[in-house]
Amino acid sequence: MKSGLSPSTSPLRFLRSTNFLGASQTRWLHKTRPAPKVPQPRPFVPDVQTFLTLIGRGLNKHASKFPSWESLFSLTSPQLKELGIEPPRNRKYLLQWMQRYRNGALGPGGDFKYVKDGQALLKVATPPASVISDAKYVVNVPQEEEAVIGDSEVLPRPNGYTVRGTRSIAGPYAIPLPQQAGATVKATEGMWEHRQGRKIDGGERRRAEIRFKRRSVERRAEREAEALAGL
């Protein structure tokens, strides 16, 4: 019995045409997908090593796998997997921080302007004479030469750092200098790290079951103790 299909419309030929069309569509979608934005380094985050050190979770051990700043921020999750960034939660964490960095959602020190050898210098400043206020605040000053604190209007005022008492500076990882001469902040392992939650009673999925069994054991022990006490 004849199928009614000519050689030009055979099922095999139709399948090949369909597959070719799908592959073409896939390539077309891939080509139109925008490449990830590569943000600029910052004074406190000048390179890959520092970025991975700041976000913690031991990711700085992978720094040698990224030859440049651009190479890190251009990678996708499958490409990170090929490079050996494991387990998957570390890849997810790294991608989340890369996106946060693109959006400017940084940790302490991310807005420092003056940084030398991974360290920033902070000083206490007061408003200029033209401003009727005695409120003191913290400014980030250059280390090469003593900044004129009276010109504090043009010095950056970093977020998260405040003046305590008369001359003390308080804030994340702030190390006070002798004689209340200011404070320093150095890029430190895990400084921006989001700590992982600790699972209690096996995590959310098994928590109810584990706690039910525990209560059952406790009630059984109480009944046995009451029975022994009645003897």
N, C-alpha and C. Protein backbone atom coordinates (compact mmCIF):
# COMPACT_ATOMS: atom_id res chain seq x y z
N MET A 1 0.85 -1.20 0.00
CA MET A 1 0.00 0.00 0.00
C MET A 1 0.88 1.24 0.00
N LYS A 2 0.58 2.14 -0.86
CA LYS A 2 1.37 3.35 -0.98
C LYS A 2 1.00 4.34 0.11
N SER A 3 1.99 5.00 0.65
CA SER A 3 1.77 5.94 1.75
C SER A 3 1.24 7.28 1.24
N GLY A 4 1.41 7.54 -0.02
CA GLY A 4 0.97 8.82 -0.56
C GLY A 4 1.97 9.92 -0.40
N LEU A 5 3.17 9.58 0.20
CA LEU A 5 4.21 10.59 0.39
C LEU A 5 5.27 10.45 -0.68
N SER A 6 5.61 11.51 -1.30
CA SER A 6 6.68 11.48 -2.29
C SER A 6 8.02 11.48 -1.56
N PRO A 7 9.10 11.11 -2.22
CA PRO A 7 10.42 11.12 -1.59
C PRO A 7 10.77 12.47 -0.97
N SER A 8 10.27 13.54 -1.57
CA SER A 8 10.61 14.86 -1.04
C SER A 8 9.90 15.18 0.25
N THR A 9 8.81 14.41 0.56
CA THR A 9 8.05 14.68 1.80
C THR A 9 8.12 13.49 2.73
N SER A 10 9.17 12.70 2.67
CA SER A 10 9.30 11.54 3.55
C SER A 10 9.42 11.99 4.99
N PRO A 11 9.00 11.12 5.97
CA PRO A 11 9.07 11.50 7.39
C PRO A 11 10.48 11.87 7.80
N LEU A 12 11.49 11.15 7.31
CA LEU A 12 12.87 11.44 7.70
C LEU A 12 13.27 12.85 7.26
N ARG A 13 12.88 13.16 6.00
CA ARG A 13 13.21 14.49 5.50
C ARG A 13 12.49 15.56 6.29
N PHE A 14 11.24 15.27 6.69
CA PHE A 14 10.47 16.24 7.47
C PHE A 14 11.10 16.46 8.83
N LEU A 15 11.57 15.37 9.45
CA LEU A 15 12.22 15.46 10.76
C LEU A 15 13.48 16.31 10.68
N ARG A 16 14.25 16.05 9.65
CA ARG A 16 15.48 16.81 9.50
C ARG A 16 15.19 18.30 9.33
N SER A 17 14.15 18.61 8.55
CA SER A 17 13.80 20.01 8.34
C SER A 17 13.36 20.65 9.64
N THR A 18 12.56 19.89 10.44
CA THR A 18 12.07 20.42 11.71
C THR A 18 13.21 20.66 12.67
N ASN A 19 14.14 19.69 12.78
CA ASN A 19 15.28 19.84 13.67
C ASN A 19 16.14 21.04 13.27
N PHE A 20 16.31 21.19 11.97
CA PHE A 20 17.12 22.31 11.48
C PHE A 20 16.48 23.64 11.87
N LEU A 21 15.14 23.70 11.76
CA LEU A 21 14.43 24.92 12.10
C LEU A 21 14.58 25.21 13.58
N GLY A 22 14.44 24.15 14.43
CA GLY A 22 14.58 24.35 15.87
C GLY A 22 15.96 24.82 16.24
N ALA A 23 16.98 24.22 15.62
CA ALA A 23 18.36 24.62 15.91
C ALA A 23 18.60 26.06 15.50
N SER A 24 18.00 26.45 14.36
CA SER A 24 18.16 27.83 13.90
C SER A 24 17.54 28.79 14.89
N GLN A 25 16.34 28.43 15.40
CA GLN A 25 15.67 29.28 16.37
C GLN A 25 16.47 29.39 17.65
N THR A 26 17.06 28.25 18.09
CA THR A 26 17.86 28.27 19.31
C THR A 26 19.07 29.18 19.15
N ARG A 27 19.74 29.07 18.02
CA ARG A 27 20.90 29.93 17.79
C ARG A 27 20.49 31.40 17.71
N TRP A 28 19.35 31.64 17.12
CA TRP A 28 18.88 33.02 16.99
C TRP A 28 18.59 33.62 18.36
N LEU A 29 17.96 32.83 19.24
CA LEU A 29 17.68 33.31 20.60
C LEU A 29 18.97 33.55 21.36
N HIS A 30 19.94 32.64 21.18
CA HIS A 30 21.20 32.78 21.89
C HIS A 30 21.94 34.05 21.46
N LYS A 31 21.88 34.36 20.17
CA LYS A 31 22.59 35.53 19.66
C LYS A 31 21.94 36.83 20.12
N THR A 32 20.62 36.80 20.34
CA THR A 32 19.94 38.03 20.72
C THR A 32 19.96 38.25 22.23
N ARG A 33 20.39 37.26 23.02
CA ARG A 33 20.44 37.44 24.47
C ARG A 33 21.57 38.40 24.81
N PRO A 34 21.29 39.46 25.57
CA PRO A 34 22.34 40.44 25.88
C PRO A 34 23.41 39.84 26.78
N ALA A 35 24.64 40.23 26.54
CA ALA A 35 25.75 39.76 27.36
C ALA A 35 25.68 40.41 28.74
N PRO A 36 26.15 39.71 29.78
CA PRO A 36 26.13 40.30 31.13
C PRO A 36 26.95 41.59 31.16
N LYS A 37 26.45 42.55 31.91
CA LYS A 37 27.14 43.82 32.05
C LYS A 37 28.40 43.64 32.91
N VAL A 38 29.49 44.21 32.45
CA VAL A 38 30.74 44.15 33.21
C VAL A 38 30.92 45.49 33.92
N PRO A 39 30.76 45.53 35.25
CA PRO A 39 30.90 46.78 35.98
C PRO A 39 32.37 47.17 36.15
N GLN A 40 32.60 48.38 36.56
CA GLN A 40 33.96 48.86 36.77
C GLN A 40 34.46 48.47 38.17
N PRO A 41 35.74 48.14 38.30
CA PRO A 41 36.30 47.93 39.64
C PRO A 41 36.20 49.22 40.46
N ARG A 42 36.30 49.08 41.76
CA ARG A 42 36.25 50.23 42.67
C ARG A 42 37.54 50.29 43.48
N PRO A 43 37.83 51.42 44.09
CA PRO A 43 39.08 51.53 44.87
C PRO A 43 39.23 50.43 45.92
N PHE A 44 38.12 50.06 46.59
CA PHE A 44 38.20 49.02 47.62
C PHE A 44 38.12 47.62 47.02
N VAL A 45 37.67 47.53 45.77
CA VAL A 45 37.54 46.23 45.09
C VAL A 45 38.23 46.35 43.73
N PRO A 46 39.56 46.36 43.69
CA PRO A 46 40.26 46.63 42.44
C PRO A 46 40.45 45.43 41.53
N ASP A 47 40.26 44.20 42.06
CA ASP A 47 40.55 43.02 41.25
C ASP A 47 39.72 41.83 41.71
N VAL A 48 39.84 40.74 40.96
CA VAL A 48 39.07 39.53 41.22
C VAL A 48 39.41 38.96 42.60
N GLN A 49 40.69 38.90 42.93
CA GLN A 49 41.13 38.33 44.20
C GLN A 49 40.45 39.04 45.38
N THR A 50 40.42 40.36 45.33
CA THR A 50 39.80 41.12 46.43
C THR A 50 38.30 40.90 46.48
N PHE A 51 37.66 40.89 45.33
CA PHE A 51 36.20 40.67 45.29
C PHE A 51 35.83 39.32 45.90
N LEU A 52 36.53 38.27 45.50
CA LEU A 52 36.23 36.94 46.02
C LEU A 52 36.59 36.83 47.50
N THR A 53 37.60 37.56 47.94
CA THR A 53 37.96 37.56 49.35
C THR A 53 36.87 38.24 50.18
N LEU A 54 36.36 39.35 49.70
CA LEU A 54 35.34 40.09 50.43
C LEU A 54 34.05 39.29 50.60
N ILE A 55 33.61 38.61 49.54
CA ILE A 55 32.31 37.92 49.62
C ILE A 55 32.42 36.60 50.37
N GLY A 56 33.63 36.12 50.64
CA GLY A 56 33.82 35.00 51.53
C GLY A 56 33.45 33.63 50.97
N ARG A 57 33.16 32.72 51.91
CA ARG A 57 32.84 31.31 51.62
C ARG A 57 33.98 30.60 50.90
N GLY A 58 35.19 31.07 51.09
CA GLY A 58 36.35 30.41 50.52
C GLY A 58 36.47 30.53 49.02
N LEU A 59 35.73 31.44 48.41
CA LEU A 59 35.74 31.56 46.94
C LEU A 59 37.05 32.14 46.41
N ASN A 60 37.83 32.78 47.27
CA ASN A 60 39.09 33.37 46.78
C ASN A 60 40.09 32.30 46.34
N LYS A 61 39.86 31.05 46.72
CA LYS A 61 40.75 29.97 46.26
C LYS A 61 40.59 29.72 44.76
N HIS A 62 39.51 30.24 44.17
CA HIS A 62 39.27 30.07 42.74
C HIS A 62 39.76 31.27 41.92
N ALA A 63 40.40 32.22 42.56
CA ALA A 63 40.76 33.47 41.86
C ALA A 63 41.62 33.22 40.63
N SER A 64 42.49 32.23 40.68
CA SER A 64 43.39 31.98 39.54
C SER A 64 42.64 31.47 38.30
N LYS A 65 41.39 31.06 38.46
CA LYS A 65 40.61 30.56 37.33
C LYS A 65 40.05 31.70 36.47
N PHE A 66 40.16 32.93 36.97
CA PHE A 66 39.63 34.08 36.24
C PHE A 66 40.80 34.98 35.86
N PRO A 67 41.20 34.99 34.60
CA PRO A 67 42.38 35.76 34.19
C PRO A 67 42.20 37.27 34.29
N SER A 68 40.96 37.73 34.34
CA SER A 68 40.74 39.18 34.40
C SER A 68 39.39 39.47 35.04
N TRP A 69 39.20 40.74 35.39
CA TRP A 69 37.93 41.21 35.95
C TRP A 69 36.80 40.98 34.94
N GLU A 70 37.06 41.27 33.68
CA GLU A 70 36.04 41.10 32.64
C GLU A 70 35.64 39.63 32.48
N SER A 71 36.61 38.73 32.61
CA SER A 71 36.30 37.31 32.44
C SER A 71 35.37 36.82 33.53
N LEU A 72 35.56 37.29 34.76
CA LEU A 72 34.69 36.87 35.86
C LEU A 72 33.26 37.32 35.62
N PHE A 73 33.07 38.60 35.32
CA PHE A 73 31.73 39.16 35.22
C PHE A 73 31.05 38.85 33.89
N SER A 74 31.72 38.11 33.01
CA SER A 74 31.12 37.71 31.75
C SER A 74 30.62 36.27 31.78
N LEU A 75 30.87 35.54 32.86
CA LEU A 75 30.57 34.11 32.90
C LEU A 75 29.15 33.84 33.37
N THR A 76 28.61 32.71 32.91
CA THR A 76 27.30 32.24 33.30
C THR A 76 27.46 31.05 34.24
N SER A 77 26.34 30.57 34.78
CA SER A 77 26.39 29.44 35.71
C SER A 77 26.99 28.19 35.08
N PRO A 78 26.59 27.78 33.85
CA PRO A 78 27.22 26.60 33.24
C PRO A 78 28.72 26.76 33.04
N GLN A 79 29.15 27.98 32.72
CA GLN A 79 30.58 28.21 32.52
C GLN A 79 31.33 28.15 33.84
N LEU A 80 30.71 28.64 34.92
CA LEU A 80 31.33 28.52 36.24
C LEU A 80 31.45 27.06 36.65
N LYS A 81 30.45 26.27 36.28
CA LYS A 81 30.49 24.85 36.58
C LYS A 81 31.66 24.19 35.85
N GLU A 82 31.87 24.55 34.59
CA GLU A 82 32.98 23.99 33.82
C GLU A 82 34.33 24.34 34.46
N LEU A 83 34.39 25.48 35.12
CA LEU A 83 35.63 25.90 35.76
C LEU A 83 35.85 25.21 37.11
N GLY A 84 34.83 24.47 37.57
CA GLY A 84 34.98 23.74 38.82
C GLY A 84 34.53 24.49 40.05
N ILE A 85 33.65 25.48 39.89
CA ILE A 85 33.11 26.19 41.05
C ILE A 85 32.00 25.33 41.64
N GLU A 86 32.31 24.63 42.69
CA GLU A 86 31.39 23.70 43.33
C GLU A 86 31.37 23.98 44.84
N PRO A 87 30.26 23.58 45.53
CA PRO A 87 29.02 23.00 45.05
C PRO A 87 28.13 24.03 44.35
N PRO A 88 26.98 23.61 43.82
CA PRO A 88 26.11 24.55 43.10
C PRO A 88 25.73 25.79 43.91
N ARG A 89 25.58 25.64 45.23
CA ARG A 89 25.19 26.80 46.03
C ARG A 89 26.27 27.89 46.00
N ASN A 90 27.54 27.48 45.80
CA ASN A 90 28.60 28.48 45.69
C ASN A 90 28.51 29.24 44.37
N ARG A 91 28.14 28.52 43.30
CA ARG A 91 27.94 29.22 42.02
C ARG A 91 26.79 30.21 42.13
N LYS A 92 25.71 29.77 42.74
CA LYS A 92 24.55 30.65 42.91
C LYS A 92 24.91 31.86 43.75
N TYR A 93 25.65 31.64 44.81
CA TYR A 93 26.07 32.73 45.70
C TYR A 93 26.96 33.72 44.95
N LEU A 94 27.91 33.20 44.16
CA LEU A 94 28.81 34.06 43.40
C LEU A 94 28.03 34.88 42.38
N LEU A 95 27.11 34.26 41.67
CA LEU A 95 26.31 34.98 40.67
C LEU A 95 25.45 36.05 41.33
N GLN A 96 24.91 35.75 42.51
CA GLN A 96 24.11 36.73 43.23
C GLN A 96 24.94 37.95 43.60
N TRP A 97 26.19 37.71 44.05
CA TRP A 97 27.04 38.83 44.44
C TRP A 97 27.51 39.62 43.21
N MET A 98 27.72 38.93 42.11
CA MET A 98 28.08 39.64 40.89
C MET A 98 26.96 40.59 40.48
N GLN A 99 25.72 40.13 40.60
CA GLN A 99 24.59 40.98 40.25
C GLN A 99 24.43 42.13 41.24
N ARG A 100 24.64 41.83 42.52
CA ARG A 100 24.58 42.90 43.53
C ARG A 100 25.63 43.97 43.23
N TYR A 101 26.81 43.53 42.85
CA TYR A 101 27.88 44.49 42.54
C TYR A 101 27.49 45.35 41.34
N ARG A 102 26.90 44.72 40.33
CA ARG A 102 26.44 45.48 39.16
C ARG A 102 25.43 46.55 39.57
N ASN A 103 24.57 46.20 40.53
CA ASN A 103 23.51 47.11 40.97
C ASN A 103 23.99 48.12 42.00
N GLY A 104 25.25 48.02 42.42
CA GLY A 104 25.78 48.96 43.41
C GLY A 104 25.39 48.63 44.83
N ALA A 105 24.86 47.44 45.08
CA ALA A 105 24.49 47.01 46.44
C ALA A 105 25.70 46.35 47.08
N LEU A 106 26.58 47.18 47.64
CA LEU A 106 27.87 46.70 48.12
C LEU A 106 27.90 46.60 49.63
N GLY A 107 28.94 45.95 50.12
CA GLY A 107 29.14 45.83 51.55
C GLY A 107 29.97 46.99 52.09
N PRO A 108 30.40 46.90 53.36
CA PRO A 108 31.19 47.98 53.97
C PRO A 108 32.45 48.28 53.16
N GLY A 109 32.70 49.56 52.96
CA GLY A 109 33.89 49.97 52.22
C GLY A 109 33.70 50.08 50.73
N GLY A 110 32.57 49.62 50.23
CA GLY A 110 32.34 49.66 48.79
C GLY A 110 32.31 51.07 48.23
N ASP A 111 32.00 52.06 49.10
CA ASP A 111 31.94 53.45 48.63
C ASP A 111 33.18 54.24 49.00
N PHE A 112 34.24 53.56 49.49
CA PHE A 112 35.49 54.27 49.75
C PHE A 112 36.06 54.81 48.44
N LYS A 113 36.62 56.00 48.50
CA LYS A 113 37.24 56.60 47.32
C LYS A 113 38.76 56.53 47.40
N TYR A 114 39.29 56.66 48.61
CA TYR A 114 40.74 56.67 48.80
C TYR A 114 41.16 55.38 49.50
N VAL A 115 41.86 54.52 48.77
CA VAL A 115 42.31 53.23 49.29
C VAL A 115 43.74 52.99 48.82
N LYS A 116 44.57 52.52 49.71
CA LYS A 116 45.96 52.22 49.37
C LYS A 116 46.33 50.86 49.95
N ASP A 117 46.80 49.97 49.08
CA ASP A 117 47.18 48.62 49.50
C ASP A 117 46.05 47.92 50.24
N GLY A 118 44.82 48.08 49.74
CA GLY A 118 43.67 47.42 50.33
C GLY A 118 43.21 48.00 51.64
N GLN A 119 43.69 49.17 51.99
CA GLN A 119 43.35 49.78 53.28
C GLN A 119 42.90 51.23 53.10
N ALA A 120 41.84 51.60 53.84
CA ALA A 120 41.31 52.96 53.78
C ALA A 120 41.52 53.65 55.11
N LEU A 121 41.71 54.95 55.05
CA LEU A 121 41.91 55.75 56.26
C LEU A 121 40.67 56.63 56.49
N LEU A 122 40.17 56.57 57.73
CA LEU A 122 38.99 57.35 58.10
C LEU A 122 39.37 58.37 59.17
N LYS A 123 38.75 59.55 59.08
CA LYS A 123 38.99 60.61 60.05
C LYS A 123 37.65 61.20 60.49
N VAL A 124 37.69 61.87 61.63
CA VAL A 124 36.51 62.57 62.13
C VAL A 124 36.55 64.00 61.62
N ALA A 125 35.43 64.47 61.09
CA ALA A 125 35.35 65.82 60.55
C ALA A 125 34.16 66.55 61.15
N THR A 126 34.20 67.85 61.08
CA THR A 126 33.09 68.69 61.53
C THR A 126 32.66 69.57 60.37
N PRO A 127 31.43 70.04 60.37
CA PRO A 127 30.95 70.88 59.27
C PRO A 127 31.78 72.16 59.15
N PRO A 128 31.87 72.72 57.95
CA PRO A 128 32.61 73.98 57.77
C PRO A 128 31.94 75.11 58.52
N ALA A 129 32.67 76.19 58.65
CA ALA A 129 32.18 77.34 59.43
C ALA A 129 30.88 77.91 58.86
N SER A 130 30.66 77.70 57.59
CA SER A 130 29.45 78.25 56.96
C SER A 130 28.18 77.50 57.37
N VAL A 131 28.36 76.35 57.98
CA VAL A 131 27.21 75.55 58.41
C VAL A 131 27.07 75.66 59.92
N ILE A 132 25.90 76.04 60.37
CA ILE A 132 25.66 76.21 61.81
C ILE A 132 25.32 74.84 62.40
N SER A 133 26.35 74.09 62.76
CA SER A 133 26.16 72.77 63.36
C SER A 133 27.49 72.31 63.92
N ASP A 134 27.43 71.56 65.02
CA ASP A 134 28.65 71.00 65.60
C ASP A 134 28.65 69.47 65.47
N ALA A 135 27.77 68.94 64.63
CA ALA A 135 27.71 67.49 64.45
C ALA A 135 28.96 66.98 63.75
N LYS A 136 29.55 65.93 64.28
CA LYS A 136 30.74 65.35 63.68
C LYS A 136 30.37 64.14 62.83
N TYR A 137 31.18 63.88 61.84
CA TYR A 137 30.92 62.75 60.97
C TYR A 137 32.25 62.18 60.48
N VAL A 138 32.17 61.04 59.82
CA VAL A 138 33.36 60.31 59.37
C VAL A 138 33.59 60.57 57.89
N VAL A 139 34.86 60.80 57.52
CA VAL A 139 35.21 60.99 56.12
C VAL A 139 36.37 60.05 55.77
N ASN A 140 36.43 59.69 54.51
CA ASN A 140 37.51 58.86 53.97
C ASN A 140 38.54 59.80 53.34
N VAL A 141 39.77 59.75 53.83
CA VAL A 141 40.79 60.71 53.40
C VAL A 141 41.94 59.99 52.71
N PRO A 142 42.68 60.69 51.84
CA PRO A 142 43.85 60.09 51.20
C PRO A 142 44.94 59.78 52.22
N GLN A 143 45.73 58.76 51.96
CA GLN A 143 46.80 58.38 52.88
C GLN A 143 48.14 58.98 52.45
N GLU A 144 48.27 59.38 51.21
CA GLU A 144 49.54 59.88 50.72
C GLU A 144 49.98 61.14 51.47
N GLU A 145 48.99 61.96 51.80
CA GLU A 145 49.28 63.20 52.53
C GLU A 145 48.10 63.50 53.43
N GLU A 146 48.36 64.18 54.50
CA GLU A 146 47.30 64.51 55.45
C GLU A 146 46.25 65.41 54.78
N ALA A 147 45.03 64.94 54.77
CA ALA A 147 43.96 65.74 54.18
C ALA A 147 43.57 66.87 55.13
N VAL A 148 43.16 67.97 54.56
CA VAL A 148 42.69 69.09 55.36
C VAL A 148 41.24 68.82 55.73
N ILE A 149 41.03 68.47 57.01
CA ILE A 149 39.69 68.09 57.44
C ILE A 149 38.72 69.26 57.30
N GLY A 150 39.23 70.47 57.30
CA GLY A 150 38.35 71.62 57.11
C GLY A 150 37.69 71.62 55.74
N ASP A 151 38.30 70.89 54.78
CA ASP A 151 37.72 70.78 53.45
C ASP A 151 36.87 69.52 53.32
N SER A 152 36.25 69.11 54.41
CA SER A 152 35.53 67.84 54.45
C SER A 152 34.31 67.82 53.55
N GLU A 153 33.90 69.00 53.02
CA GLU A 153 32.76 69.02 52.11
C GLU A 153 33.04 68.18 50.87
N VAL A 154 34.32 68.12 50.45
CA VAL A 154 34.65 67.41 49.22
C VAL A 154 35.13 65.99 49.49
N LEU A 155 35.27 65.59 50.73
CA LEU A 155 35.71 64.24 51.07
C LEU A 155 34.51 63.30 51.18
N PRO A 156 34.65 62.07 50.72
CA PRO A 156 33.53 61.13 50.79
C PRO A 156 33.18 60.74 52.22
N ARG A 157 31.89 60.62 52.48
CA ARG A 157 31.41 60.19 53.80
C ARG A 157 30.86 58.77 53.66
N PRO A 158 31.64 57.77 54.01
CA PRO A 158 31.24 56.37 53.78
C PRO A 158 30.05 55.95 54.64
N ASN A 159 29.22 55.11 54.08
CA ASN A 159 28.06 54.60 54.79
C ASN A 159 28.49 53.59 55.86
N GLY A 160 27.77 53.60 56.98
CA GLY A 160 28.00 52.59 58.01
C GLY A 160 29.02 52.97 59.06
N TYR A 161 29.61 54.16 58.97
CA TYR A 161 30.64 54.57 59.93
C TYR A 161 30.20 55.87 60.62
N THR A 162 30.27 55.86 61.95
CA THR A 162 29.78 56.97 62.74
C THR A 162 30.81 57.36 63.80
N VAL A 163 30.59 58.53 64.39
CA VAL A 163 31.47 59.03 65.45
C VAL A 163 30.85 58.67 66.80
N ARG A 164 31.65 58.04 67.65
CA ARG A 164 31.24 57.71 69.02
C ARG A 164 32.04 58.57 69.99
N GLY A 165 31.33 59.19 70.90
CA GLY A 165 32.03 60.05 71.84
C GLY A 165 32.55 61.30 71.14
N THR A 166 33.79 61.64 71.43
CA THR A 166 34.35 62.86 70.85
C THR A 166 35.11 62.61 69.55
N ARG A 167 35.95 61.53 69.53
CA ARG A 167 36.80 61.32 68.36
C ARG A 167 36.86 59.87 67.90
N SER A 168 36.10 58.97 68.52
CA SER A 168 36.18 57.55 68.17
C SER A 168 35.30 57.25 66.95
N ILE A 169 35.79 56.35 66.09
CA ILE A 169 35.05 55.96 64.89
C ILE A 169 34.57 54.53 65.05
N ALA A 170 33.29 54.33 64.83
CA ALA A 170 32.68 53.00 64.94
C ALA A 170 32.13 52.58 63.59
N GLY A 171 32.27 51.30 63.27
CA GLY A 171 31.75 50.78 62.01
C GLY A 171 32.38 49.45 61.70
N PRO A 172 31.91 48.76 60.66
CA PRO A 172 32.41 47.42 60.33
C PRO A 172 33.91 47.39 60.07
N TYR A 173 34.61 46.55 60.82
CA TYR A 173 36.04 46.29 60.63
C TYR A 173 36.90 47.54 60.79
N ALA A 174 36.39 48.53 61.53
CA ALA A 174 37.17 49.75 61.77
C ALA A 174 38.17 49.49 62.90
N ILE A 175 39.45 49.72 62.63
CA ILE A 175 40.51 49.54 63.62
C ILE A 175 40.99 50.92 64.06
N PRO A 176 40.77 51.28 65.34
CA PRO A 176 41.14 52.63 65.79
C PRO A 176 42.64 52.86 65.77
N LEU A 177 43.03 54.08 65.45
CA LEU A 177 44.42 54.49 65.48
C LEU A 177 44.76 55.05 66.86
N PRO A 178 46.02 55.05 67.23
CA PRO A 178 46.41 55.58 68.55
C PRO A 178 45.99 57.04 68.71
N GLN A 179 45.66 57.40 69.96
CA GLN A 179 45.32 58.77 70.34
C GLN A 179 44.11 59.30 69.56
N GLN A 180 43.21 58.39 69.23
CA GLN A 180 41.96 58.77 68.54
C GLN A 180 42.25 59.59 67.27
N ALA A 181 43.29 59.16 66.55
CA ALA A 181 43.68 59.88 65.33
C ALA A 181 42.90 59.41 64.12
N GLY A 182 41.88 58.59 64.32
CA GLY A 182 41.09 58.08 63.21
C GLY A 182 41.00 56.56 63.27
N ALA A 183 40.76 55.95 62.14
CA ALA A 183 40.65 54.49 62.07
C ALA A 183 41.02 54.03 60.66
N THR A 184 41.37 52.77 60.57
CA THR A 184 41.65 52.17 59.27
C THR A 184 40.68 51.02 59.03
N VAL A 185 40.39 50.76 57.77
CA VAL A 185 39.55 49.62 57.38
C VAL A 185 40.27 48.89 56.27
N LYS A 186 40.51 47.60 56.47
CA LYS A 186 41.25 46.80 55.51
C LYS A 186 40.36 45.72 54.92
N ALA A 187 40.53 45.46 53.63
CA ALA A 187 39.76 44.39 52.97
C ALA A 187 40.09 43.06 53.65
N THR A 188 39.06 42.39 54.15
CA THR A 188 39.24 41.20 54.98
C THR A 188 38.39 40.06 54.44
N GLU A 189 38.88 38.85 54.60
CA GLU A 189 38.15 37.65 54.17
C GLU A 189 36.76 37.61 54.82
N GLY A 190 35.73 37.49 53.97
CA GLY A 190 34.36 37.37 54.46
C GLY A 190 33.73 38.66 54.93
N MET A 191 34.33 39.78 54.61
CA MET A 191 33.82 41.07 55.08
C MET A 191 32.41 41.35 54.58
N TRP A 192 32.10 40.87 53.37
CA TRP A 192 30.75 41.06 52.80
C TRP A 192 29.93 39.78 52.82
N GLU A 193 30.42 38.77 53.47
CA GLU A 193 29.78 37.45 53.36
C GLU A 193 28.38 37.42 53.96
N HIS A 194 27.48 36.77 53.25
CA HIS A 194 26.15 36.47 53.77
C HIS A 194 26.22 35.10 54.42
N ARG A 195 26.11 35.05 55.72
CA ARG A 195 26.28 33.80 56.44
C ARG A 195 25.16 32.83 56.11
N GLN A 196 25.53 31.57 55.96
CA GLN A 196 24.55 30.53 55.69
C GLN A 196 23.80 30.20 56.96
N GLY A 197 22.48 29.99 56.82
CA GLY A 197 21.67 29.62 57.97
C GLY A 197 22.01 28.22 58.46
N ARG A 198 21.92 28.03 59.77
CA ARG A 198 22.20 26.72 60.36
C ARG A 198 20.90 25.93 60.47
N LYS A 199 20.91 24.73 59.89
CA LYS A 199 19.72 23.90 59.93
C LYS A 199 19.51 23.35 61.33
N ILE A 200 18.27 23.49 61.82
CA ILE A 200 17.91 22.97 63.14
C ILE A 200 16.87 21.88 62.95
N ASP A 201 17.11 20.73 63.58
CA ASP A 201 16.21 19.58 63.47
C ASP A 201 16.01 19.15 62.04
N GLY A 202 17.08 19.18 61.24
CA GLY A 202 17.04 18.61 59.91
C GLY A 202 16.53 19.50 58.81
N GLY A 203 16.29 20.75 59.07
CA GLY A 203 15.80 21.62 58.02
C GLY A 203 14.29 21.61 57.94
N GLU A 204 13.74 22.42 57.03
CA GLU A 204 12.29 22.62 56.97
C GLU A 204 11.53 21.35 56.63
N ARG A 205 12.06 20.52 55.74
CA ARG A 205 11.31 19.35 55.27
C ARG A 205 11.08 18.31 56.36
N ARG A 206 12.10 18.09 57.19
CA ARG A 206 11.99 17.04 58.19
C ARG A 206 11.77 17.57 59.59
N ARG A 207 11.69 18.88 59.75
CA ARG A 207 11.60 19.46 61.08
C ARG A 207 10.37 18.97 61.84
N ALA A 208 9.17 19.01 61.20
CA ALA A 208 7.94 18.60 61.87
C ALA A 208 8.01 17.14 62.29
N GLU A 209 8.52 16.28 61.40
CA GLU A 209 8.61 14.86 61.72
C GLU A 209 9.55 14.60 62.90
N ILE A 210 10.71 15.24 62.87
CA ILE A 210 11.70 15.03 63.94
C ILE A 210 11.17 15.53 65.27
N ARG A 211 10.53 16.69 65.27
CA ARG A 211 10.02 17.23 66.53
C ARG A 211 8.86 16.40 67.07
N PHE A 212 8.03 15.84 66.18
CA PHE A 212 6.94 14.97 66.62
C PHE A 212 7.50 13.73 67.30
N LYS A 213 8.51 13.11 66.70
CA LYS A 213 9.12 11.92 67.30
C LYS A 213 9.77 12.26 68.63
N ARG A 214 10.38 13.43 68.71
CA ARG A 214 11.02 13.82 69.96
C ARG A 214 9.98 13.99 71.06
N ARG A 215 8.84 14.64 70.75
CA ARG A 215 7.79 14.81 71.75
C ARG A 215 7.22 13.46 72.18
N SER A 216 7.09 12.53 71.23
CA SER A 216 6.58 11.20 71.57
C SER A 216 7.50 10.49 72.55
N VAL A 217 8.80 10.58 72.29
CA VAL A 217 9.77 9.95 73.20
C VAL A 217 9.72 10.60 74.57
N GLU A 218 9.59 11.93 74.61
CA GLU A 218 9.53 12.62 75.90
C GLU A 218 8.28 12.23 76.68
N ARG A 219 7.13 12.14 75.99
CA ARG A 219 5.88 11.75 76.67
C ARG A 219 5.96 10.31 77.18
N ARG A 220 6.56 9.42 76.39
CA ARG A 220 6.72 8.04 76.82
C ARG A 220 7.60 7.95 78.06
N ALA A 221 8.67 8.74 78.07
CA ALA A 221 9.56 8.74 79.23
C ALA A 221 8.85 9.27 80.47
N GLU A 222 8.00 10.29 80.28
CA GLU A 222 7.25 10.84 81.41
C GLU A 222 6.28 9.80 81.98
N ARG A 223 5.57 9.05 81.09
CA ARG A 223 4.63 8.04 81.55
C ARG A 223 5.34 6.93 82.31
N GLU A 224 6.53 6.54 81.77
CA GLU A 224 7.27 5.49 82.46
C GLU A 224 7.77 5.95 83.81
N ALA A 225 8.17 7.23 83.90
CA ALA A 225 8.63 7.76 85.18
C ALA A 225 7.48 7.82 86.19
N GLU A 226 6.27 8.19 85.72
CA GLU A 226 5.11 8.24 86.62
C GLU A 226 4.73 6.84 87.09
N ALA A 227 4.82 5.84 86.17
CA ALA A 227 4.49 4.47 86.56
C ALA A 227 5.47 3.95 87.60
N LEU A 228 6.74 4.24 87.44
CA LEU A 228 7.74 3.79 88.41
C LEU A 228 7.54 4.48 89.76
N ALA A 229 7.14 5.73 89.72
CA ALA A 229 6.93 6.48 90.96
C ALA A 229 5.73 5.94 91.74
N GLY A 230 4.74 5.29 91.03
CA GLY A 230 3.54 4.77 91.70
C GLY A 230 3.73 3.40 92.32
N LEU A 231 4.86 2.77 92.03
CA LEU A 231 5.11 1.44 92.59
C LEU A 231 5.48 1.52 94.06
